[in-house]
Each structure stands twice: as C-alpha cells, then as structure tokens.
N, C-alpha and C. Protein backbone atom coordinates (compact mmCIF):
# COMPACT_ATOMS: atom_id res chain seq x y z
N MET A 1 -4.54 6.60 -18.11
CA MET A 1 -3.24 5.97 -18.20
C MET A 1 -3.16 4.85 -17.16
N LEU A 2 -2.88 3.66 -17.60
CA LEU A 2 -2.77 2.54 -16.68
C LEU A 2 -1.33 2.37 -16.23
N ARG A 3 -1.18 2.13 -14.97
CA ARG A 3 0.16 1.88 -14.42
C ARG A 3 0.34 0.39 -14.23
N PRO A 4 1.56 -0.09 -14.40
CA PRO A 4 1.79 -1.51 -14.10
C PRO A 4 1.57 -1.74 -12.61
N ARG A 5 1.11 -2.91 -12.27
CA ARG A 5 0.88 -3.23 -10.86
C ARG A 5 2.19 -3.23 -10.10
N LYS A 6 2.15 -2.65 -8.93
CA LYS A 6 3.36 -2.56 -8.11
C LYS A 6 3.06 -3.16 -6.75
N LYS A 7 3.96 -3.98 -6.27
CA LYS A 7 3.84 -4.53 -4.93
C LYS A 7 4.39 -3.49 -3.97
N TYR A 8 3.50 -2.89 -3.19
CA TYR A 8 3.93 -1.87 -2.24
C TYR A 8 4.59 -2.51 -1.04
N THR A 9 5.70 -1.94 -0.61
CA THR A 9 6.37 -2.40 0.60
C THR A 9 5.75 -1.68 1.79
N VAL A 10 6.06 -2.15 3.00
CA VAL A 10 5.56 -1.48 4.20
C VAL A 10 6.00 -0.02 4.18
N ARG A 11 7.23 0.22 3.78
CA ARG A 11 7.76 1.60 3.72
C ARG A 11 6.96 2.43 2.71
N ASP A 12 6.65 1.86 1.55
CA ASP A 12 5.86 2.58 0.55
C ASP A 12 4.50 2.96 1.11
N LEU A 13 3.85 2.02 1.80
CA LEU A 13 2.53 2.29 2.36
C LEU A 13 2.59 3.40 3.40
N GLN A 14 3.62 3.39 4.23
CA GLN A 14 3.77 4.42 5.25
C GLN A 14 3.98 5.79 4.60
N LEU A 15 4.75 5.85 3.53
CA LEU A 15 5.00 7.13 2.86
C LEU A 15 3.76 7.64 2.12
N LEU A 16 2.93 6.72 1.60
CA LEU A 16 1.75 7.12 0.84
C LEU A 16 0.55 7.45 1.73
N LYS A 17 0.62 7.10 3.00
CA LYS A 17 -0.50 7.29 3.91
C LYS A 17 -0.92 8.76 3.94
N GLY A 18 -2.18 9.01 3.63
CA GLY A 18 -2.70 10.36 3.63
C GLY A 18 -2.42 11.15 2.35
N LYS A 19 -1.63 10.60 1.44
CA LYS A 19 -1.28 11.31 0.21
C LYS A 19 -2.01 10.74 -1.00
N ARG A 20 -2.22 9.44 -1.01
CA ARG A 20 -2.85 8.78 -2.14
C ARG A 20 -3.93 7.84 -1.62
N CYS A 21 -5.03 7.78 -2.35
CA CYS A 21 -6.12 6.88 -1.98
C CYS A 21 -5.89 5.53 -2.66
N LEU A 22 -5.56 4.54 -1.86
CA LEU A 22 -5.39 3.18 -2.38
C LEU A 22 -6.66 2.41 -2.07
N THR A 23 -7.34 1.93 -3.10
CA THR A 23 -8.65 1.34 -2.89
C THR A 23 -8.63 -0.16 -2.67
N HIS A 24 -7.58 -0.83 -3.12
CA HIS A 24 -7.56 -2.29 -2.99
C HIS A 24 -6.12 -2.73 -2.78
N ILE A 25 -5.85 -3.29 -1.62
CA ILE A 25 -4.49 -3.71 -1.30
C ILE A 25 -4.53 -5.14 -0.77
N HIS A 26 -3.67 -5.99 -1.31
CA HIS A 26 -3.52 -7.35 -0.79
C HIS A 26 -2.34 -7.36 0.17
N VAL A 27 -2.58 -7.87 1.37
CA VAL A 27 -1.50 -7.94 2.35
C VAL A 27 -1.30 -9.39 2.76
N LYS A 28 -0.06 -9.72 3.12
CA LYS A 28 0.25 -11.09 3.51
C LYS A 28 0.80 -11.19 4.91
N SER A 29 0.99 -10.05 5.57
CA SER A 29 1.54 -10.10 6.92
C SER A 29 0.86 -9.05 7.79
N PRO A 30 0.88 -9.24 9.11
CA PRO A 30 0.29 -8.24 10.01
C PRO A 30 0.96 -6.88 9.89
N GLU A 31 2.26 -6.85 9.58
CA GLU A 31 2.97 -5.58 9.43
C GLU A 31 2.44 -4.81 8.23
N GLU A 32 2.19 -5.52 7.13
CA GLU A 32 1.64 -4.86 5.95
C GLU A 32 0.23 -4.35 6.23
N ALA A 33 -0.56 -5.11 6.95
CA ALA A 33 -1.92 -4.69 7.27
C ALA A 33 -1.92 -3.45 8.15
N THR A 34 -1.03 -3.40 9.12
CA THR A 34 -0.93 -2.24 10.00
C THR A 34 -0.51 -1.01 9.20
N ALA A 35 0.44 -1.16 8.31
CA ALA A 35 0.91 -0.03 7.51
C ALA A 35 -0.18 0.46 6.55
N ALA A 36 -1.05 -0.44 6.12
CA ALA A 36 -2.09 -0.07 5.16
C ALA A 36 -3.30 0.59 5.79
N GLU A 37 -3.45 0.52 7.10
CA GLU A 37 -4.62 1.11 7.76
C GLU A 37 -4.66 2.60 7.61
C-alpha cells in the first residue's frame, strides 16, 4: 500500500523518533535536521 507523500514537521519527526524507520528525509533547516537525527 502506497501512502501519499507527507511533509513531516519538526514535531512529527520528534514524535516518530524511535517508532518508525524513515529512510529518506529532505530537510531545509537546521531544526529539521536536528529533529531527524
């Protein structure tokens, strides 16, 4: 099942950390990069 692409917010990334494996994320700000680590 394919999901539509979703732009994750910093809050989304923080909530998903350790729960879901995200393999490819495009970030545009240092805050997004920090949240995605």
